[in-house]
Amino acid sequence: MKLIFLHGMPGVGKLTVAKELARLTHFKLFHNHLAVDLATAVFEFGSDAFVQLRERIWIETFKLAVRADLPGMIFTFAPDRTVTAGFVDQARQIMEAAGAELFFVELICNEEELERRLVDPSREKFGKLNSIAQFRELKNAGAFVTQGIPKESLSIDTTHLTAPETALSIARSLKIETAGIATGVASVHQAYTDWAATYDEDRNLTRDLDRMVTKRLLGSSRCDSVIEIGCGTGKNTVLLAEVAEQVLALDFAESMIAKARVKLRECDNVIFRVADLTEPWPCETESADLVVGNLVLEHIENLSFIFSEAARCLSAGGKFFVCELHPFRQYQGMKARFHRANETKEVAAFVHNVSDFISAAAQSGMVLDSLTEWWHDEDQGKPPRLIALEFKKQSEPRSAATGPIRKKLAIDEE
């Protein structure tokens, strides 16, 4: 059994996150206020009898959950000086003696956001503290202190995270298998196949910023040949068709390419190909001046293969342009998602650090040429949303077999 000990200050969002986490993992949810409400129905809050009864409920619930061999349980807990000093240690001993796992997860947020959440009407249901003045008074008096919680507990800042994003971050950090219930986590291929119908119309700040960044950084480029990996519905293919003599656009979702074909039906310099980027690309060696990949690498686990294929397809001195969801946002649980039938579907993704990109490039004979970070206008006070990296293939003798890109792509089309 796994017990997630979810703790944090009043108003930080423990119950809301716990509900999402329970839906995502199928773990049972044991809300702290259920015991508090039962005890205060008979005894005054903070009295000896109240403290004894509340902690007996907590402890006995842990013991019975272990005996019942539940897969997991989420316990929401607010720091409170009425909690006895030995409660946390007792809970740990119970779990360890039974061979179960106990995870301490702290939720935090900045003071301004915490006070905004404190007065949310939803807190009235459980009679929770919802007075900012009282909260400040209690905080200054040292009321929110609990002994026994290990310093190494996982801490997640929820200031700019939604409850589903926080729940996903917890599950990933603790390596707990998710059921995909709350967010409908889908395979990459199925997700983008389904998303194609509304991808261009859905509100999507990341997509919009990516288009702007790509235009800003590549709009003045001029080249003979471009290979676009993960072209999707062609949101950036339109620009690439303007700056290049020939574009080969690859994507594994036929429904996405179908949308792109309509969008570029009057462009005679673009060839679309359905291709799995984790397999050898349908491109001639040293056939491109530029390889472009936007919002695609987060869905690919093995960066080394992608960079090796990009290096193979690039001519000497050619560049590989990458624009991706910033790792800082990935650390917070952000990922591609869309809505279907009142359900949020998230696309399977992998977290890649900046050093992962640079290392994969170096292994393939490419060097980092530029790195920029980008925010949307609505991202004030938040980490950067996108990171754009440009890698250059180091100069080397060009293969004698290389021919004009237009000829090669025409042969490939046949």
Protein backbone atom coordinates (compact mmCIF):
# COMPACT_ATOMS: atom_id res chain seq x y z
CA MET A 1 0.00 0.00 0.00
CA LYS A 2 1.06 3.58 -0.65
CA LEU A 3 0.00 6.45 1.62
CA ILE A 4 0.41 9.97 0.24
CA PHE A 5 0.58 12.37 3.18
CA LEU A 6 -0.51 15.61 1.46
CA HIS A 7 0.20 18.56 3.73
CA GLY A 8 0.37 22.34 3.53
CA MET A 9 -1.00 25.61 4.86
CA PRO A 10 -4.77 26.26 4.97
CA GLY A 11 -6.00 27.39 1.56
CA VAL A 12 -3.11 25.96 -0.48
CA GLY A 13 -5.46 23.57 -2.31
CA LYS A 14 -4.90 20.21 -0.62
CA LEU A 15 -8.43 18.85 -1.03
CA THR A 16 -8.79 20.05 -4.63
CA VAL A 17 -5.47 18.48 -5.59
CA ALA A 18 -6.24 15.32 -3.60
CA LYS A 19 -9.48 14.83 -5.52
CA GLU A 20 -7.66 15.08 -8.85
CA LEU A 21 -4.92 12.77 -7.61
CA ALA A 22 -7.49 10.24 -6.41
CA ARG A 23 -9.21 10.27 -9.79
CA LEU A 24 -5.87 9.91 -11.54
CA THR A 25 -4.51 7.04 -9.39
CA HIS A 26 -7.70 5.36 -8.10
CA PHE A 27 -6.31 5.81 -4.57
CA LYS A 28 -8.84 6.33 -1.77
CA LEU A 29 -9.14 9.87 -0.43
CA PHE A 30 -9.14 10.39 3.36
CA HIS A 31 -9.90 14.06 3.91
CA ASN A 32 -8.63 15.44 7.22
CA HIS A 33 -11.81 17.44 7.89
CA LEU A 34 -13.93 14.29 8.01
CA ALA A 35 -12.22 13.39 11.29
CA VAL A 36 -12.26 17.01 12.47
CA ASP A 37 -15.99 17.36 11.83
CA LEU A 38 -16.78 14.14 13.67
CA ALA A 39 -14.69 15.13 16.70
CA THR A 40 -16.03 18.70 16.92
CA ALA A 41 -19.58 17.37 16.86
CA VAL A 42 -18.94 16.23 20.43
CA PHE A 43 -15.85 18.02 21.73
CA GLU A 44 -14.50 21.54 21.49
CA PHE A 45 -11.75 22.01 18.92
CA GLY A 46 -8.35 21.77 20.57
CA SER A 47 -9.57 20.13 23.77
CA ASP A 48 -7.79 17.00 25.02
CA ALA A 49 -10.77 14.83 24.13
CA PHE A 50 -10.93 16.35 20.63
CA VAL A 51 -7.22 15.76 20.02
CA GLN A 52 -7.37 12.16 21.24
CA LEU A 53 -10.45 11.28 19.18
CA ARG A 54 -9.20 12.95 15.99
CA GLU A 55 -5.84 11.21 16.10
CA ARG A 56 -7.41 7.87 16.99
CA ILE A 57 -9.57 8.16 13.87
CA TRP A 58 -6.52 8.96 11.77
CA ILE A 59 -4.38 6.15 13.16
CA GLU A 60 -7.09 3.49 13.11
CA THR A 61 -7.92 4.39 9.51
CA PHE A 62 -4.27 3.92 8.51
CA LYS A 63 -4.13 0.53 10.27
CA LEU A 64 -7.34 -0.75 8.68
CA ALA A 65 -6.31 0.50 5.23
CA VAL A 66 -3.09 -1.50 5.49
CA ARG A 67 -4.94 -4.61 6.67
CA ALA A 68 -7.39 -4.26 3.81
CA ASP A 69 -4.40 -4.15 1.44
CA LEU A 70 -5.64 -1.03 -0.35
CA PRO A 71 -3.44 -0.07 -3.31
CA GLY A 72 -3.13 3.45 -1.98
CA MET A 73 -4.66 6.26 0.03
CA ILE A 74 -4.31 10.05 0.01
CA PHE A 75 -4.47 11.80 3.39
CA THR A 76 -4.87 15.59 3.49
CA PHE A 77 -3.25 17.17 6.51
CA ALA A 78 -2.94 20.79 7.67
CA PRO A 79 -0.15 21.79 10.07
CA ASP A 80 -1.76 22.48 13.43
CA ARG A 81 -0.18 22.92 16.85
CA THR A 82 -3.02 20.87 18.40
CA VAL A 83 -1.57 17.78 16.70
CA THR A 84 0.54 15.79 19.15
CA ALA A 85 4.29 15.69 18.60
CA GLY A 86 4.34 11.94 18.07
CA PHE A 87 1.49 11.61 15.54
CA VAL A 88 3.60 11.74 12.37
CA ASP A 89 6.18 9.30 13.74
CA GLN A 90 3.40 6.91 14.79
CA ALA A 91 1.95 7.01 11.28
CA ARG A 92 5.38 6.29 9.80
CA GLN A 93 5.95 3.34 12.16
CA ILE A 94 2.58 1.82 11.24
CA MET A 95 3.32 2.01 7.53
CA GLU A 96 6.92 0.79 7.81
CA ALA A 97 5.95 -2.14 10.04
CA ALA A 98 3.42 -3.26 7.44
CA GLY A 99 5.89 -2.92 4.57
CA ALA A 100 3.84 -0.08 3.10
CA GLU A 101 5.19 3.14 1.56
CA LEU A 102 4.63 6.58 3.01
CA PHE A 103 5.20 9.68 0.87
CA PHE A 104 5.17 13.20 2.32
CA VAL A 105 4.13 15.82 -0.22
CA GLU A 106 3.99 19.50 0.70
CA LEU A 107 1.94 21.99 -1.30
CA ILE A 108 3.00 25.63 -1.17
CA CYS A 109 2.11 28.85 -2.96
CA ASN A 110 2.96 32.51 -2.57
CA GLU A 111 1.20 34.50 0.15
CA GLU A 112 -0.90 36.61 -2.22
CA GLU A 113 -2.34 33.55 -3.95
CA LEU A 114 -2.81 31.73 -0.63
CA GLU A 115 -4.92 34.55 0.78
CA ARG A 116 -6.96 34.72 -2.42
CA ARG A 117 -7.76 31.01 -2.09
CA LEU A 118 -8.58 31.33 1.61
CA VAL A 119 -11.72 33.33 0.91
CA ASP A 120 -12.99 31.02 -1.82
CA PRO A 121 -16.67 30.15 -1.08
CA SER A 122 -15.92 26.41 -1.50
CA ARG A 123 -14.10 26.43 1.84
CA GLU A 124 -17.33 27.13 3.72
CA LYS A 125 -18.61 23.61 3.06
CA PHE A 126 -16.24 22.08 5.62
CA GLY A 127 -16.17 25.09 7.91
CA LYS A 128 -12.59 25.77 6.94
CA LEU A 129 -10.65 28.85 7.97
CA ASN A 130 -11.64 31.57 5.49
CA SER A 131 -10.71 34.79 7.27
CA ILE A 132 -7.52 36.46 6.09
CA ALA A 133 -7.24 38.43 9.34
CA GLN A 134 -7.61 35.29 11.44
CA PHE A 135 -5.17 33.41 9.23
CA ARG A 136 -2.54 36.12 9.67
CA GLU A 137 -3.10 36.19 13.41
CA LEU A 138 -2.74 32.41 13.71
CA LYS A 139 0.30 32.36 11.46
CA ASN A 140 2.06 35.06 13.47
CA ALA A 141 1.26 33.13 16.65
CA GLY A 142 2.95 30.02 15.23
CA ALA A 143 -0.24 27.97 14.99
CA PHE A 144 0.69 26.22 11.74
CA VAL A 145 3.57 24.10 12.98
CA THR A 146 3.72 20.31 13.10
CA GLN A 147 6.64 18.24 14.31
CA GLY A 148 7.78 15.06 12.63
CA ILE A 149 7.35 15.79 8.92
CA PRO A 150 10.68 14.99 7.24
CA LYS A 151 12.56 17.88 5.68
CA GLU A 152 13.16 15.83 2.53
CA SER A 153 9.45 15.64 1.70
CA LEU A 154 8.47 16.50 -1.86
CA SER A 155 7.47 20.17 -2.17
CA ILE A 156 5.40 21.52 -5.06
CA ASP A 157 4.66 25.19 -5.67
CA THR A 158 1.04 25.43 -6.82
CA THR A 159 0.99 29.21 -7.33
CA HIS A 160 0.72 28.93 -11.11
CA LEU A 161 -0.49 25.32 -11.39
CA THR A 162 -4.00 23.97 -11.82
CA ALA A 163 -5.11 21.08 -9.62
CA PRO A 164 -4.83 18.54 -12.48
CA GLU A 165 -1.31 19.77 -13.28
CA THR A 166 -0.30 19.48 -9.63
CA ALA A 167 -1.80 15.99 -9.33
CA LEU A 168 0.08 14.84 -12.42
CA SER A 169 3.31 16.32 -11.09
CA ILE A 170 2.89 14.41 -7.82
CA ALA A 171 2.15 11.12 -9.57
CA ARG A 172 5.17 11.51 -11.84
CA SER A 173 7.51 12.54 -9.04
CA LEU A 174 6.49 9.58 -6.90
CA LYS A 175 6.51 7.25 -9.92
CA ILE A 176 2.93 6.18 -9.24
CA GLU A 177 1.09 4.61 -12.15
CA THR A 178 -1.84 6.71 -13.32
CA ALA A 179 -5.11 5.39 -14.63
CA GLY A 180 -5.69 8.26 -17.07
CA ILE A 181 -9.17 8.80 -15.59
CA ALA A 182 -8.98 12.45 -14.62
CA THR A 183 -7.20 13.73 -17.66
CA GLY A 184 -7.64 11.05 -20.26
CA VAL A 185 -3.91 10.61 -20.89
CA ALA A 186 -3.66 9.35 -24.46
CA SER A 187 -1.00 7.93 -26.74
CA VAL A 188 0.64 10.54 -28.92
CA HIS A 189 -0.64 9.11 -32.21
CA GLN A 190 -4.22 8.68 -31.01
CA ALA A 191 -4.27 12.07 -29.31
CA TYR A 192 -3.18 14.05 -32.35
CA THR A 193 -5.39 12.00 -34.63
CA ASP A 194 -8.36 13.01 -32.46
CA TRP A 195 -7.17 16.58 -31.94
CA ALA A 196 -6.75 17.39 -35.63
CA ALA A 197 -10.42 18.36 -36.10
CA THR A 198 -10.20 21.31 -33.69
CA TYR A 199 -6.47 21.91 -33.28
CA ASP A 200 -6.43 25.19 -35.18
CA GLU A 201 -9.54 26.59 -33.50
CA ASP A 202 -8.93 25.56 -29.88
CA ARG A 203 -7.62 28.21 -27.49
CA ASN A 204 -3.94 27.31 -27.23
CA LEU A 205 -1.46 29.91 -26.01
CA THR A 206 1.50 27.58 -26.51
CA ARG A 207 0.61 26.92 -30.16
CA ASP A 208 0.08 30.65 -30.81
CA LEU A 209 3.35 31.64 -29.16
CA ASP A 210 5.21 28.93 -31.07
CA ARG A 211 3.94 30.33 -34.37
CA MET A 212 5.04 33.84 -33.38
CA VAL A 213 8.48 32.69 -32.22
CA THR A 214 9.08 30.69 -35.39
CA LYS A 215 8.14 33.65 -37.56
CA ARG A 216 10.34 35.96 -35.50
CA LEU A 217 13.39 33.71 -35.70
CA LEU A 218 13.03 32.15 -39.16
CA GLY A 219 10.94 34.70 -41.05
CA SER A 220 13.95 36.40 -42.62
CA SER A 221 15.71 33.14 -43.52
CA ARG A 222 16.25 32.07 -47.11
CA CYS A 223 17.23 28.52 -48.00
CA ASP A 224 16.91 25.92 -50.71
CA SER A 225 15.49 23.07 -48.69
CA VAL A 226 13.69 22.48 -45.38
CA ILE A 227 12.58 19.32 -43.62
CA GLU A 228 9.83 19.95 -41.09
CA ILE A 229 9.31 17.22 -38.50
CA GLY A 230 5.92 17.06 -36.82
CA CYS A 231 4.28 19.52 -39.20
CA GLY A 232 0.81 18.95 -37.73
CA THR A 233 -1.89 21.02 -39.40
CA GLY A 234 0.72 23.19 -41.13
CA LYS A 235 0.71 26.14 -38.73
CA ASN A 236 4.41 26.73 -39.44
CA THR A 237 4.58 25.03 -42.83
CA VAL A 238 3.01 28.12 -44.39
CA LEU A 239 5.97 30.23 -43.24
CA LEU A 240 8.52 27.60 -44.27
CA ALA A 241 7.01 27.48 -47.75
CA GLU A 242 7.71 31.19 -48.04
CA VAL A 243 11.36 31.06 -46.95
CA ALA A 244 12.43 27.86 -48.73
CA GLU A 245 12.48 26.64 -52.32
CA GLN A 246 11.33 23.19 -51.21
CA VAL A 247 9.75 21.84 -48.01
CA LEU A 248 9.34 18.23 -46.98
CA ALA A 249 6.78 18.13 -44.14
CA LEU A 250 6.58 14.98 -41.99
CA ASP A 251 3.97 13.91 -39.46
CA PHE A 252 2.65 10.56 -38.26
CA ALA A 253 -1.01 11.64 -37.99
CA GLU A 254 -2.76 11.45 -41.34
CA SER A 255 -5.63 13.57 -40.00
CA MET A 256 -3.18 16.37 -39.18
CA ILE A 257 -1.56 16.22 -42.61
CA ALA A 258 -5.00 16.28 -44.25
CA LYS A 259 -5.64 19.64 -42.58
CA ALA A 260 -2.22 20.89 -43.64
CA ARG A 261 -2.80 19.90 -47.27
CA VAL A 262 -5.95 22.03 -47.40
CA LYS A 263 -4.15 24.95 -45.79
CA LEU A 264 -1.31 24.78 -48.34
CA ARG A 265 -3.26 23.58 -51.37
CA GLU A 266 -1.94 26.46 -53.49
CA CYS A 267 1.71 25.87 -52.55
CA ASP A 268 3.54 23.73 -55.10
CA ASN A 269 6.82 23.62 -53.18
CA VAL A 270 5.60 21.49 -50.25
CA ILE A 271 5.56 17.70 -50.11
CA PHE A 272 3.80 15.98 -47.20
CA ARG A 273 4.77 12.57 -45.91
CA VAL A 274 3.24 10.38 -43.21
CA ALA A 275 6.23 9.23 -41.18
CA ASP A 276 7.14 7.93 -37.74
CA LEU A 277 9.96 10.15 -36.53
CA THR A 278 11.28 7.40 -34.26
CA GLU A 279 12.12 5.41 -37.40
CA PRO A 280 14.56 6.43 -40.18
CA TRP A 281 13.17 9.49 -41.92
CA PRO A 282 12.19 9.30 -45.63
CA CYS A 283 14.86 11.87 -46.53
CA GLU A 284 18.09 11.71 -48.47
CA THR A 285 21.37 12.19 -46.62
CA GLU A 286 22.63 15.81 -46.66
CA SER A 287 19.53 16.93 -48.52
CA ALA A 288 18.43 19.89 -46.36
CA ASP A 289 19.76 23.27 -45.32
CA LEU A 290 17.37 23.46 -42.39
CA VAL A 291 15.47 20.98 -40.21
CA VAL A 292 12.63 22.41 -38.14
CA GLY A 293 10.83 20.80 -35.20
CA ASN A 294 8.13 22.59 -33.21
CA LEU A 295 6.40 21.20 -30.10
CA VAL A 296 7.24 17.65 -31.10
CA LEU A 297 10.25 16.52 -29.06
CA GLU A 298 8.33 16.49 -25.75
CA HIS A 299 6.50 13.46 -27.19
CA ILE A 300 9.68 11.58 -28.07
CA GLU A 301 11.70 9.78 -25.42
CA ASN A 302 14.91 9.18 -27.37
CA LEU A 303 16.34 12.56 -28.36
CA SER A 304 19.58 11.01 -29.61
CA PHE A 305 17.88 9.33 -32.55
CA ILE A 306 16.10 12.53 -33.59
CA PHE A 307 19.32 14.53 -33.52
CA SER A 308 21.25 11.84 -35.37
CA GLU A 309 18.63 11.81 -38.15
CA ALA A 310 18.62 15.60 -38.30
CA ALA A 311 22.41 15.59 -38.61
CA ARG A 312 22.26 12.92 -41.32
CA CYS A 313 19.75 14.89 -43.37
CA LEU A 314 21.51 18.25 -42.97
CA SER A 315 24.22 19.45 -45.30
CA ALA A 316 27.46 20.74 -43.74
CA GLY A 317 26.73 24.00 -41.92
CA GLY A 318 22.99 23.32 -41.99
CA LYS A 319 20.86 24.13 -38.96
CA PHE A 320 18.38 22.30 -36.76
CA PHE A 321 15.77 24.65 -35.28
CA VAL A 322 13.87 23.41 -32.22
CA CYS A 323 11.06 25.20 -30.39
CA GLU A 324 9.65 23.29 -27.40
CA LEU A 325 7.66 23.63 -24.22
CA HIS A 326 10.16 24.98 -21.71
CA PRO A 327 11.48 22.39 -19.22
CA PHE A 328 10.51 24.76 -16.38
CA ARG A 329 6.87 24.35 -17.42
CA GLN A 330 7.31 20.60 -17.77
CA TYR A 331 8.62 20.43 -14.22
CA GLN A 332 5.32 21.97 -13.14
CA GLY A 333 3.33 19.29 -14.93
CA MET A 334 2.35 21.32 -17.99
CA LYS A 335 1.85 19.35 -21.20
CA ALA A 336 -0.20 19.34 -24.41
CA ARG A 337 -3.92 18.84 -23.75
CA PHE A 338 -7.27 19.26 -25.46
CA HIS A 339 -10.95 18.82 -24.62
CA ARG A 340 -13.41 16.23 -25.86
CA ALA A 341 -16.92 15.60 -24.49
CA ASN A 342 -16.33 17.47 -21.23
CA GLU A 343 -13.09 15.57 -20.66
CA THR A 344 -9.56 16.91 -20.73
CA LYS A 345 -7.21 14.67 -22.68
CA GLU A 346 -3.49 15.01 -22.06
CA VAL A 347 -0.92 13.80 -24.55
CA ALA A 348 1.82 11.45 -23.33
CA ALA A 349 5.07 13.39 -22.91
CA PHE A 350 8.66 13.15 -21.70
CA VAL A 351 10.57 15.77 -19.73
CA HIS A 352 13.78 16.89 -21.43
CA ASN A 353 16.27 19.18 -19.71
CA VAL A 354 18.16 21.83 -21.65
CA SER A 355 21.33 19.79 -21.16
CA ASP A 356 19.59 16.80 -22.78
CA PHE A 357 19.12 18.76 -26.02
CA ILE A 358 22.69 20.04 -26.02
CA SER A 359 24.14 16.60 -25.24
CA ALA A 360 22.11 14.86 -27.96
CA ALA A 361 23.22 17.51 -30.45
CA ALA A 362 26.90 17.14 -29.51
CA GLN A 363 26.73 13.38 -29.95
CA SER A 364 25.48 13.96 -33.49
CA GLY A 365 28.13 16.48 -34.47
CA MET A 366 26.08 19.63 -33.91
CA VAL A 367 26.79 22.65 -31.72
CA LEU A 368 24.39 25.10 -30.07
CA ASP A 369 24.20 28.28 -32.12
CA SER A 370 21.53 30.16 -30.14
CA LEU A 371 19.10 29.75 -27.24
CA THR A 372 16.17 32.01 -26.42
CA GLU A 373 13.27 31.82 -23.97
CA TRP A 374 9.76 33.09 -24.66
CA TRP A 375 6.70 34.19 -22.73
CA HIS A 376 3.13 34.72 -23.94
CA ASP A 377 1.52 38.06 -23.06
CA GLU A 378 -0.60 36.21 -20.48
CA ASP A 379 2.44 34.65 -18.77
CA GLN A 380 3.28 37.57 -16.51
CA GLY A 381 5.01 36.36 -13.35
CA LYS A 382 5.38 32.81 -14.68
CA PRO A 383 8.38 30.81 -15.94
CA PRO A 384 9.08 30.99 -19.69
CA ARG A 385 6.57 29.03 -21.77
CA LEU A 386 8.83 28.10 -24.70
CA ILE A 387 12.50 27.54 -25.36
CA ALA A 388 13.94 27.92 -28.86
CA LEU A 389 17.29 26.35 -29.71
CA GLU A 390 19.23 26.49 -32.96
CA PHE A 391 21.95 23.92 -33.61
CA LYS A 392 24.49 23.99 -36.41
CA LYS A 393 25.99 20.96 -38.08
CA GLN A 394 29.74 21.26 -37.96
CA SER A 395 31.44 21.68 -41.31
CA GLU A 396 32.60 18.54 -43.03
CA PRO A 397 33.08 17.43 -46.63
CA ARG A 398 29.76 17.25 -48.43
CA SER A 399 28.80 13.86 -49.90
CA ALA A 400 29.33 13.61 -53.64
CA ALA A 401 26.01 11.77 -53.91
CA THR A 402 24.09 14.81 -52.83
CA GLY A 403 21.89 16.38 -55.48
CA PRO A 404 19.32 19.15 -55.69
CA ILE A 405 16.63 18.85 -53.06
CA ARG A 406 13.83 19.30 -55.60
CA LYS A 407 15.02 16.30 -57.59
CA LYS A 408 15.46 14.09 -54.53
CA LEU A 409 12.02 14.92 -53.13
CA ALA A 410 10.41 14.29 -56.49
CA ILE A 411 11.99 10.84 -56.61
CA ASP A 412 10.90 10.19 -53.02
CA GLU A 413 7.35 11.20 -53.94
CA GLU A 414 7.22 8.55 -56.63
